[in-house]
């Protein structure tokens, strides 16, 4: 299906343990979808598996970006195909500055005989940093080294803003953020919303969805979607708790 991130009957294992069980989901461009669910239900496994993390074995199923099956692509090739993953726990990259890291990623997307125009690159980089309230001095700092949790998450959203992916998967971006950092990160994500981006927001808590308002909310349990609905579903889940999710899973299994 064109203009969608389509996940079809995905089964994923880590070692001998199956984590995702026939997981299916379609995220059209121009929409923000949220996935909520308890710990251990496979939310982060989903994010890492579709991004190509080598520790996660996809035993069956497909993932399509705008109709192209990306399952045979390496992780960097999936990124260049238009997929972006914001990690729950962003890694430090000692010795590599933020400016050089993002510039290298952008250059990798250009034809071999082309390079970024440096003045234009820094003009856009500084504009995006200002939007995310990131001090411009951070361009010379090594990626995530010595950063607070909020600084790491802002840095990831900065990368997303510069790379302009077709589809972004945000894996618990709200983890470890205070309310001010959460608002800034949400403002950055909201600034990128539009017809050219589909976003999948993975979170435990409804509070993030007060700032990044989803078009659709999916409830996940035991490696699959058990219920989908409008944004109000997040409030219902917050009020009823995750015991309610177990009931939903039982109903879904019967149907």
C-alpha atoms as a PDB file:
ATOM      1  CA  UNK A   1       0.000   0.000   0.000  1.00  0.00           C
ATOM      2  CA  UNK A   2       1.536   3.321  -1.060  1.00  0.00           C
ATOM      3  CA  UNK A   3       1.972   6.267   1.327  1.00  0.00           C
ATOM      4  CA  UNK A   4       1.844   4.040   4.393  1.00  0.00           C
ATOM      5  CA  UNK A   5       4.040   2.257   6.875  1.00  0.00           C
ATOM      6  CA  UNK A   6       2.437  -1.183   6.775  1.00  0.00           C
ATOM      7  CA  UNK A   7       3.332  -3.939   9.248  1.00  0.00           C
ATOM      8  CA  UNK A   8       1.826  -7.273   8.227  1.00  0.00           C
ATOM      9  CA  UNK A   9       1.500 -10.295  10.541  1.00  0.00           C
ATOM     10  CA  UNK A  10       4.890  -9.735  12.180  1.00  0.00           C
ATOM     11  CA  UNK A  11       6.306 -12.440  14.438  1.00  0.00           C
ATOM     12  CA  UNK A  12       9.504 -11.581  16.314  1.00  0.00           C
ATOM     13  CA  UNK A  13      11.619 -13.592  18.746  1.00  0.00           C
ATOM     14  CA  UNK A  14      14.567 -12.926  21.032  1.00  0.00           C
ATOM     15  CA  UNK A  15      16.404 -16.202  21.482  1.00  0.00           C
ATOM     16  CA  UNK A  16      13.785 -18.871  22.168  1.00  0.00           C
ATOM     17  CA  UNK A  17      11.138 -16.397  23.351  1.00  0.00           C
ATOM     18  CA  UNK A  18       8.520 -15.090  20.934  1.00  0.00           C
ATOM     19  CA  UNK A  19       7.656 -11.453  21.649  1.00  0.00           C
ATOM     20  CA  UNK A  20       5.461 -10.302  18.766  1.00  0.00           C
ATOM     21  CA  UNK A  21       2.569 -12.538  17.746  1.00  0.00           C
ATOM     22  CA  UNK A  22       1.082 -11.734  14.364  1.00  0.00           C
ATOM     23  CA  UNK A  23       1.399  -7.994  14.877  1.00  0.00           C
ATOM     24  CA  UNK A  24      -0.277  -5.911  12.160  1.00  0.00           C
ATOM     25  CA  UNK A  25      -0.638  -2.148  11.864  1.00  0.00           C
ATOM     26  CA  UNK A  26      -0.903   0.495   9.128  1.00  0.00           C
ATOM     27  CA  UNK A  27       0.218   4.098   9.644  1.00  0.00           C
ATOM     28  CA  UNK A  28      -0.631   6.415   6.721  1.00  0.00           C
ATOM     29  CA  UNK A  29       1.435   9.485   5.973  1.00  0.00           C
ATOM     30  CA  UNK A  30      -0.079  12.554   7.564  1.00  0.00           C
ATOM     31  CA  UNK A  31      -1.248  10.680  10.661  1.00  0.00           C
ATOM     32  CA  UNK A  32       0.091  10.162  14.171  1.00  0.00           C
ATOM     33  CA  UNK A  33      -0.680   6.786  15.740  1.00  0.00           C
ATOM     34  CA  UNK A  34       0.035   5.931  19.378  1.00  0.00           C
ATOM     35  CA  UNK A  35       0.712   2.522  20.893  1.00  0.00           C
ATOM     36  CA  UNK A  36       0.087   2.021  24.609  1.00  0.00           C
ATOM     37  CA  UNK A  37       0.470  -1.091  26.712  1.00  0.00           C
ATOM     38  CA  UNK A  38       2.064  -2.531  29.850  1.00  0.00           C
ATOM     39  CA  UNK A  39       5.739  -3.410  30.301  1.00  0.00           C
ATOM     40  CA  UNK A  40       6.850  -6.564  28.528  1.00  0.00           C
ATOM     41  CA  UNK A  41       4.158  -6.562  25.883  1.00  0.00           C
ATOM     42  CA  UNK A  42       6.554  -5.962  22.982  1.00  0.00           C
ATOM     43  CA  UNK A  43       6.363  -2.229  22.281  1.00  0.00           C
ATOM     44  CA  UNK A  44      10.119  -1.596  22.166  1.00  0.00           C
ATOM     45  CA  UNK A  45      10.664  -4.940  20.422  1.00  0.00           C
ATOM     46  CA  UNK A  46       8.380  -3.719  17.659  1.00  0.00           C
ATOM     47  CA  UNK A  47      10.350  -0.481  17.252  1.00  0.00           C
ATOM     48  CA  UNK A  48      13.749  -2.173  17.157  1.00  0.00           C
ATOM     49  CA  UNK A  49      12.664  -5.057  14.954  1.00  0.00           C
ATOM     50  CA  UNK A  50      11.260  -2.892  12.170  1.00  0.00           C
ATOM     51  CA  UNK A  51      14.364  -0.674  12.350  1.00  0.00           C
ATOM     52  CA  UNK A  52      16.589  -3.708  11.740  1.00  0.00           C
ATOM     53  CA  UNK A  53      18.210  -4.339  15.136  1.00  0.00           C
ATOM     54  CA  UNK A  54      20.227  -7.571  14.794  1.00  0.00           C
ATOM     55  CA  UNK A  55      19.196  -8.970  18.200  1.00  0.00           C
ATOM     56  CA  UNK A  56      15.578  -9.339  17.095  1.00  0.00           C
ATOM     57  CA  UNK A  57      14.733 -12.256  14.792  1.00  0.00           C
ATOM     58  CA  UNK A  58      11.772 -11.717  12.506  1.00  0.00           C
ATOM     59  CA  UNK A  59      10.475 -15.244  11.956  1.00  0.00           C
ATOM     60  CA  UNK A  60       7.649 -14.209   9.631  1.00  0.00           C
ATOM     61  CA  UNK A  61       5.762 -11.177   8.386  1.00  0.00           C
ATOM     62  CA  UNK A  62       6.597  -8.086   6.376  1.00  0.00           C
ATOM     63  CA  UNK A  63       7.153  -4.365   6.823  1.00  0.00           C
ATOM     64  CA  UNK A  64       6.466  -2.071   3.879  1.00  0.00           C
ATOM     65  CA  UNK A  65       7.389   1.574   3.375  1.00  0.00           C
ATOM     66  CA  UNK A  66       5.253   3.071   0.602  1.00  0.00           C
ATOM     67  CA  UNK A  67       4.724  -0.391  -0.841  1.00  0.00           C
ATOM     68  CA  UNK A  68       8.372  -1.547  -0.631  1.00  0.00           C
ATOM     69  CA  UNK A  69       9.170  -4.520   1.602  1.00  0.00           C
ATOM     70  CA  UNK A  70      12.174  -3.449   3.706  1.00  0.00           C
ATOM     71  CA  UNK A  71      12.767  -6.746   5.507  1.00  0.00           C
ATOM     72  CA  UNK A  72      15.797  -7.642   3.367  1.00  0.00           C
ATOM     73  CA  UNK A  73      17.437  -4.242   3.943  1.00  0.00           C
ATOM     74  CA  UNK A  74      20.152  -3.526   6.496  1.00  0.00           C
ATOM     75  CA  UNK A  75      19.383  -1.029   9.275  1.00  0.00           C
ATOM     76  CA  UNK A  76      21.145   1.871   7.524  1.00  0.00           C
ATOM     77  CA  UNK A  77      19.313   1.066   4.290  1.00  0.00           C
ATOM     78  CA  UNK A  78      15.973   1.139   6.099  1.00  0.00           C
ATOM     79  CA  UNK A  79      16.905   4.546   7.443  1.00  0.00           C
ATOM     80  CA  UNK A  80      17.753   5.833   3.973  1.00  0.00           C
ATOM     81  CA  UNK A  81      14.451   4.368   2.730  1.00  0.00           C
ATOM     82  CA  UNK A  82      12.687   6.806   5.044  1.00  0.00           C
ATOM     83  CA  UNK A  83      12.387   5.146   8.475  1.00  0.00           C
ATOM     84  CA  UNK A  84      13.532   6.957  11.639  1.00  0.00           C
ATOM     85  CA  UNK A  85      13.712   5.471  15.137  1.00  0.00           C
ATOM     86  CA  UNK A  86      14.021   7.630  18.260  1.00  0.00           C
ATOM     87  CA  UNK A  87      15.374   5.344  20.978  1.00  0.00           C
ATOM     88  CA  UNK A  88      14.069   5.057  24.512  1.00  0.00           C
ATOM     89  CA  UNK A  89      17.683   5.175  25.715  1.00  0.00           C
ATOM     90  CA  UNK A  90      19.782   7.093  23.135  1.00  0.00           C
ATOM     91  CA  UNK A  91      23.384   5.949  22.876  1.00  0.00           C
ATOM     92  CA  UNK A  92      26.464   8.096  23.416  1.00  0.00           C
ATOM     93  CA  UNK A  93      28.849   8.425  20.465  1.00  0.00           C
ATOM     94  CA  UNK A  94      32.173   9.675  21.872  1.00  0.00           C
ATOM     95  CA  UNK A  95      34.374  11.600  19.474  1.00  0.00           C
ATOM     96  CA  UNK A  96      31.591  12.489  17.033  1.00  0.00           C
ATOM     97  CA  UNK A  97      30.031  15.948  17.276  1.00  0.00           C
ATOM     98  CA  UNK A  98      26.328  16.530  16.738  1.00  0.00           C
ATOM     99  CA  UNK A  99      27.015  18.730  13.716  1.00  0.00           C
ATOM    100  CA  UNK A 100      29.255  16.137  12.044  1.00  0.00           C
ATOM    101  CA  UNK A 101      26.938  13.249  12.918  1.00  0.00           C
ATOM    102  CA  UNK A 102      23.887  14.820  11.302  1.00  0.00           C
ATOM    103  CA  UNK A 103      25.888  16.100   8.341  1.00  0.00           C
ATOM    104  CA  UNK A 104      27.265  12.597   7.680  1.00  0.00           C
ATOM    105  CA  UNK A 105      23.757  11.124   7.823  1.00  0.00           C
ATOM    106  CA  UNK A 106      22.470  13.700   5.343  1.00  0.00           C
ATOM    107  CA  UNK A 107      25.445  13.242   2.995  1.00  0.00           C
ATOM    108  CA  UNK A 108      24.801   9.482   2.989  1.00  0.00           C
ATOM    109  CA  UNK A 109      21.403  10.190   1.448  1.00  0.00           C
ATOM    110  CA  UNK A 110      22.840  12.204  -1.448  1.00  0.00           C
ATOM    111  CA  UNK A 111      24.131  10.852  -4.782  1.00  0.00           C
ATOM    112  CA  UNK A 112      27.853  10.038  -4.753  1.00  0.00           C
ATOM    113  CA  UNK A 113      28.759  13.162  -6.737  1.00  0.00           C
ATOM    114  CA  UNK A 114      26.946  15.575  -4.410  1.00  0.00           C
ATOM    115  CA  UNK A 115      27.657  17.115  -0.996  1.00  0.00           C
ATOM    116  CA  UNK A 116      25.749  19.362   1.356  1.00  0.00           C
ATOM    117  CA  UNK A 117      26.188  23.084   1.024  1.00  0.00           C
ATOM    118  CA  UNK A 118      27.795  23.946   4.379  1.00  0.00           C
ATOM    119  CA  UNK A 119      26.268  27.431   4.889  1.00  0.00           C
ATOM    120  CA  UNK A 120      22.789  26.164   4.041  1.00  0.00           C
ATOM    121  CA  UNK A 121      23.263  23.148   6.302  1.00  0.00           C
ATOM    122  CA  UNK A 122      24.242  25.202   9.334  1.00  0.00           C
ATOM    123  CA  UNK A 123      21.470  27.730   8.693  1.00  0.00           C
ATOM    124  CA  UNK A 124      18.869  24.967   8.825  1.00  0.00           C
ATOM    125  CA  UNK A 125      20.586  23.201  11.742  1.00  0.00           C
ATOM    126  CA  UNK A 126      20.609  26.363  13.871  1.00  0.00           C
ATOM    127  CA  UNK A 127      16.965  27.082  13.026  1.00  0.00           C
ATOM    128  CA  UNK A 128      15.940  23.599  14.168  1.00  0.00           C
ATOM    129  CA  UNK A 129      18.079  23.908  17.325  1.00  0.00           C
ATOM    130  CA  UNK A 130      16.397  27.211  18.171  1.00  0.00           C
ATOM    131  CA  UNK A 131      12.989  25.578  17.708  1.00  0.00           C
ATOM    132  CA  UNK A 132      13.938  22.829  20.164  1.00  0.00           C
ATOM    133  CA  UNK A 133      15.600  25.247  22.602  1.00  0.00           C
ATOM    134  CA  UNK A 134      19.000  23.573  22.148  1.00  0.00           C
ATOM    135  CA  UNK A 135      22.002  25.809  22.785  1.00  0.00           C
ATOM    136  CA  UNK A 136      23.916  26.266  19.518  1.00  0.00           C
ATOM    137  CA  UNK A 137      27.127  25.370  21.346  1.00  0.00           C
ATOM    138  CA  UNK A 138      25.863  21.788  21.351  1.00  0.00           C
ATOM    139  CA  UNK A 139      26.902  21.463  17.695  1.00  0.00           C
ATOM    140  CA  UNK A 140      30.476  20.962  18.954  1.00  0.00           C
ATOM    141  CA  UNK A 141      29.567  18.466  21.683  1.00  0.00           C
ATOM    142  CA  UNK A 142      29.879  14.710  21.190  1.00  0.00           C
ATOM    143  CA  UNK A 143      26.552  13.004  20.546  1.00  0.00           C
ATOM    144  CA  UNK A 144      24.745  12.431  23.869  1.00  0.00           C
ATOM    145  CA  UNK A 145      27.995  12.371  25.878  1.00  0.00           C
ATOM    146  CA  UNK A 146      27.267  13.879  29.282  1.00  0.00           C
ATOM    147  CA  UNK A 147      23.759  14.878  28.214  1.00  0.00           C
ATOM    148  CA  UNK A 148      20.792  14.859  30.558  1.00  0.00           C
ATOM    149  CA  UNK A 149      17.803  12.705  29.635  1.00  0.00           C
ATOM    150  CA  UNK A 150      15.961  15.705  28.230  1.00  0.00           C
ATOM    151  CA  UNK A 151      18.984  16.832  26.197  1.00  0.00           C
ATOM    152  CA  UNK A 152      19.324  13.374  24.662  1.00  0.00           C
ATOM    153  CA  UNK A 153      15.680  13.328  23.616  1.00  0.00           C
ATOM    154  CA  UNK A 154      15.883  16.835  22.150  1.00  0.00           C
ATOM    155  CA  UNK A 155      18.977  15.771  20.220  1.00  0.00           C
ATOM    156  CA  UNK A 156      17.067  12.843  18.721  1.00  0.00           C
ATOM    157  CA  UNK A 157      14.175  15.057  17.669  1.00  0.00           C
ATOM    158  CA  UNK A 158      16.756  17.419  16.145  1.00  0.00           C
ATOM    159  CA  UNK A 159      18.083  14.519  14.072  1.00  0.00           C
ATOM    160  CA  UNK A 160      14.546  13.692  13.004  1.00  0.00           C
ATOM    161  CA  UNK A 161      13.866  17.305  12.017  1.00  0.00           C
ATOM    162  CA  UNK A 162      17.012  17.448   9.894  1.00  0.00           C
ATOM    163  CA  UNK A 163      16.645  14.023   8.236  1.00  0.00           C
ATOM    164  CA  UNK A 164      12.961  14.533   7.366  1.00  0.00           C
ATOM    165  CA  UNK A 165      11.971  10.843   7.347  1.00  0.00           C
ATOM    166  CA  UNK A 166       8.832   9.470   5.737  1.00  0.00           C
ATOM    167  CA  UNK A 167       7.944   7.583   8.921  1.00  0.00           C
ATOM    168  CA  UNK A 168       9.137   8.125  12.475  1.00  0.00           C
ATOM    169  CA  UNK A 169       8.870   5.654  15.336  1.00  0.00           C
ATOM    170  CA  UNK A 170       9.254   7.334  18.736  1.00  0.00           C
ATOM    171  CA  UNK A 171       9.998   4.685  21.349  1.00  0.00           C
ATOM    172  CA  UNK A 172       8.965   6.089  24.748  1.00  0.00           C
ATOM    173  CA  UNK A 173      10.329   9.527  23.953  1.00  0.00           C
ATOM    174  CA  UNK A 174       8.715  10.798  27.150  1.00  0.00           C
ATOM    175  CA  UNK A 175      10.805   8.442  29.328  1.00  0.00           C
ATOM    176  CA  UNK A 176      12.822  10.408  31.881  1.00  0.00           C
ATOM    177  CA  UNK A 177      11.539  13.824  30.811  1.00  0.00           C
ATOM    178  CA  UNK A 178      10.313  16.501  33.169  1.00  0.00           C
ATOM    179  CA  UNK A 179       7.257  18.458  32.098  1.00  0.00           C
ATOM    180  CA  UNK A 180       9.200  21.337  30.520  1.00  0.00           C
ATOM    181  CA  UNK A 181      11.382  19.035  28.424  1.00  0.00           C
ATOM    182  CA  UNK A 182       8.310  17.014  27.470  1.00  0.00           C
ATOM    183  CA  UNK A 183       6.585  20.137  26.159  1.00  0.00           C
ATOM    184  CA  UNK A 184       9.622  21.174  24.108  1.00  0.00           C
ATOM    185  CA  UNK A 185      10.011  17.714  22.562  1.00  0.00           C
ATOM    186  CA  UNK A 186       6.285  17.569  21.798  1.00  0.00           C
ATOM    187  CA  UNK A 187       6.397  21.003  20.185  1.00  0.00           C
ATOM    188  CA  UNK A 188       9.225  19.811  17.966  1.00  0.00           C
ATOM    189  CA  UNK A 189       7.308  16.716  16.891  1.00  0.00           C
ATOM    190  CA  UNK A 190       4.148  18.741  16.287  1.00  0.00           C
ATOM    191  CA  UNK A 191       6.083  21.220  14.133  1.00  0.00           C
ATOM    192  CA  UNK A 192       6.950  18.337  11.779  1.00  0.00           C
ATOM    193  CA  UNK A 193       3.413  17.003  11.484  1.00  0.00           C
ATOM    194  CA  UNK A 194       2.035  17.175   7.975  1.00  0.00           C
ATOM    195  CA  UNK A 195       1.145  15.195   4.866  1.00  0.00           C
ATOM    196  CA  UNK A 196       4.713  13.949   4.311  1.00  0.00           C
ATOM    197  CA  UNK A 197       5.239  12.293   7.709  1.00  0.00           C
ATOM    198  CA  UNK A 198       3.629   9.325   9.393  1.00  0.00           C
ATOM    199  CA  UNK A 199       4.479   8.907  13.084  1.00  0.00           C
ATOM    200  CA  UNK A 200       4.151   6.020  15.510  1.00  0.00           C
ATOM    201  CA  UNK A 201       4.406   7.147  19.140  1.00  0.00           C
ATOM    202  CA  UNK A 202       5.060   4.401  21.704  1.00  0.00           C
ATOM    203  CA  UNK A 203       4.325   5.334  25.303  1.00  0.00           C
ATOM    204  CA  UNK A 204       3.221   3.985  28.686  1.00  0.00           C
ATOM    205  CA  UNK A 205       1.441   7.123  29.755  1.00  0.00           C
ATOM    206  CA  UNK A 206      -1.382   9.230  28.485  1.00  0.00           C
ATOM    207  CA  UNK A 207       0.367  12.476  29.511  1.00  0.00           C
ATOM    208  CA  UNK A 208       2.504  12.577  26.336  1.00  0.00           C
ATOM    209  CA  UNK A 209      -0.653  12.322  24.265  1.00  0.00           C
ATOM    210  CA  UNK A 210      -1.930  15.545  25.825  1.00  0.00           C
ATOM    211  CA  UNK A 211       0.848  17.278  23.857  1.00  0.00           C
ATOM    212  CA  UNK A 212       1.231  15.041  20.797  1.00  0.00           C
ATOM    213  CA  UNK A 213      -2.428  14.383  20.078  1.00  0.00           C
ATOM    214  CA  UNK A 214      -2.790  11.145  18.099  1.00  0.00           C
ATOM    215  CA  UNK A 215      -5.204  10.458  15.287  1.00  0.00           C
ATOM    216  CA  UNK A 216      -5.501   6.826  16.404  1.00  0.00           C
ATOM    217  CA  UNK A 217      -4.615   5.010  19.636  1.00  0.00           C
ATOM    218  CA  UNK A 218      -3.765   1.301  19.681  1.00  0.00           C
ATOM    219  CA  UNK A 219      -3.692  -0.825  22.826  1.00  0.00           C
ATOM    220  CA  UNK A 220      -1.063  -3.576  22.744  1.00  0.00           C
ATOM    221  CA  UNK A 221      -0.884  -6.718  24.835  1.00  0.00           C
ATOM    222  CA  UNK A 222       1.033  -9.975  24.493  1.00  0.00           C
ATOM    223  CA  UNK A 223       2.707  -8.900  21.266  1.00  0.00           C
ATOM    224  CA  UNK A 224      -0.347  -7.771  19.317  1.00  0.00           C
ATOM    225  CA  UNK A 225      -2.952  -5.032  19.009  1.00  0.00           C
ATOM    226  CA  UNK A 226      -6.071  -5.806  21.045  1.00  0.00           C
ATOM    227  CA  UNK A 227      -8.011  -2.581  20.552  1.00  0.00           C
ATOM    228  CA  UNK A 228      -7.812   0.578  18.412  1.00  0.00           C
ATOM    229  CA  UNK A 229      -9.775   3.784  18.656  1.00  0.00           C
ATOM    230  CA  UNK A 230      -9.733   7.594  18.731  1.00  0.00           C
ATOM    231  CA  UNK A 231      -7.604   9.706  21.081  1.00  0.00           C
ATOM    232  CA  UNK A 232     -10.168   9.245  23.875  1.00  0.00           C
ATOM    233  CA  UNK A 233      -9.088   5.606  24.119  1.00  0.00           C
ATOM    234  CA  UNK A 234      -5.890   6.787  25.840  1.00  0.00           C
ATOM    235  CA  UNK A 235      -7.933   8.454  28.580  1.00  0.00           C
ATOM    236  CA  UNK A 236     -10.055   5.331  28.976  1.00  0.00           C
ATOM    237  CA  UNK A 237      -6.940   3.221  29.343  1.00  0.00           C
ATOM    238  CA  UNK A 238      -5.467   5.647  31.869  1.00  0.00           C
ATOM    239  CA  UNK A 239      -8.627   5.514  34.010  1.00  0.00           C
ATOM    240  CA  UNK A 240      -9.194   1.753  33.824  1.00  0.00           C
ATOM    241  CA  UNK A 241      -5.556   0.638  34.050  1.00  0.00           C
ATOM    242  CA  UNK A 242      -3.749  -2.256  32.471  1.00  0.00           C
ATOM    243  CA  UNK A 243      -5.918  -4.951  34.084  1.00  0.00           C
ATOM    244  CA  UNK A 244      -8.540  -3.795  31.583  1.00  0.00           C
ATOM    245  CA  UNK A 245      -6.067  -4.587  28.794  1.00  0.00           C
ATOM    246  CA  UNK A 246      -6.004  -8.229  29.870  1.00  0.00           C
ATOM    247  CA  UNK A 247      -9.778  -8.326  29.493  1.00  0.00           C
ATOM    248  CA  UNK A 248      -9.477  -6.798  26.031  1.00  0.00           C
ATOM    249  CA  UNK A 249      -6.873  -9.403  25.090  1.00  0.00           C
ATOM    250  CA  UNK A 250      -9.233 -12.184  26.153  1.00  0.00           C
ATOM    251  CA  UNK A 251     -12.067 -10.702  24.110  1.00  0.00           C
ATOM    252  CA  UNK A 252      -9.797 -10.297  21.071  1.00  0.00           C
ATOM    253  CA  UNK A 253      -8.659 -13.921  21.330  1.00  0.00           C
ATOM    254  CA  UNK A 254     -12.266 -15.159  21.386  1.00  0.00           C
ATOM    255  CA  UNK A 255     -13.268 -13.033  18.390  1.00  0.00           C
END
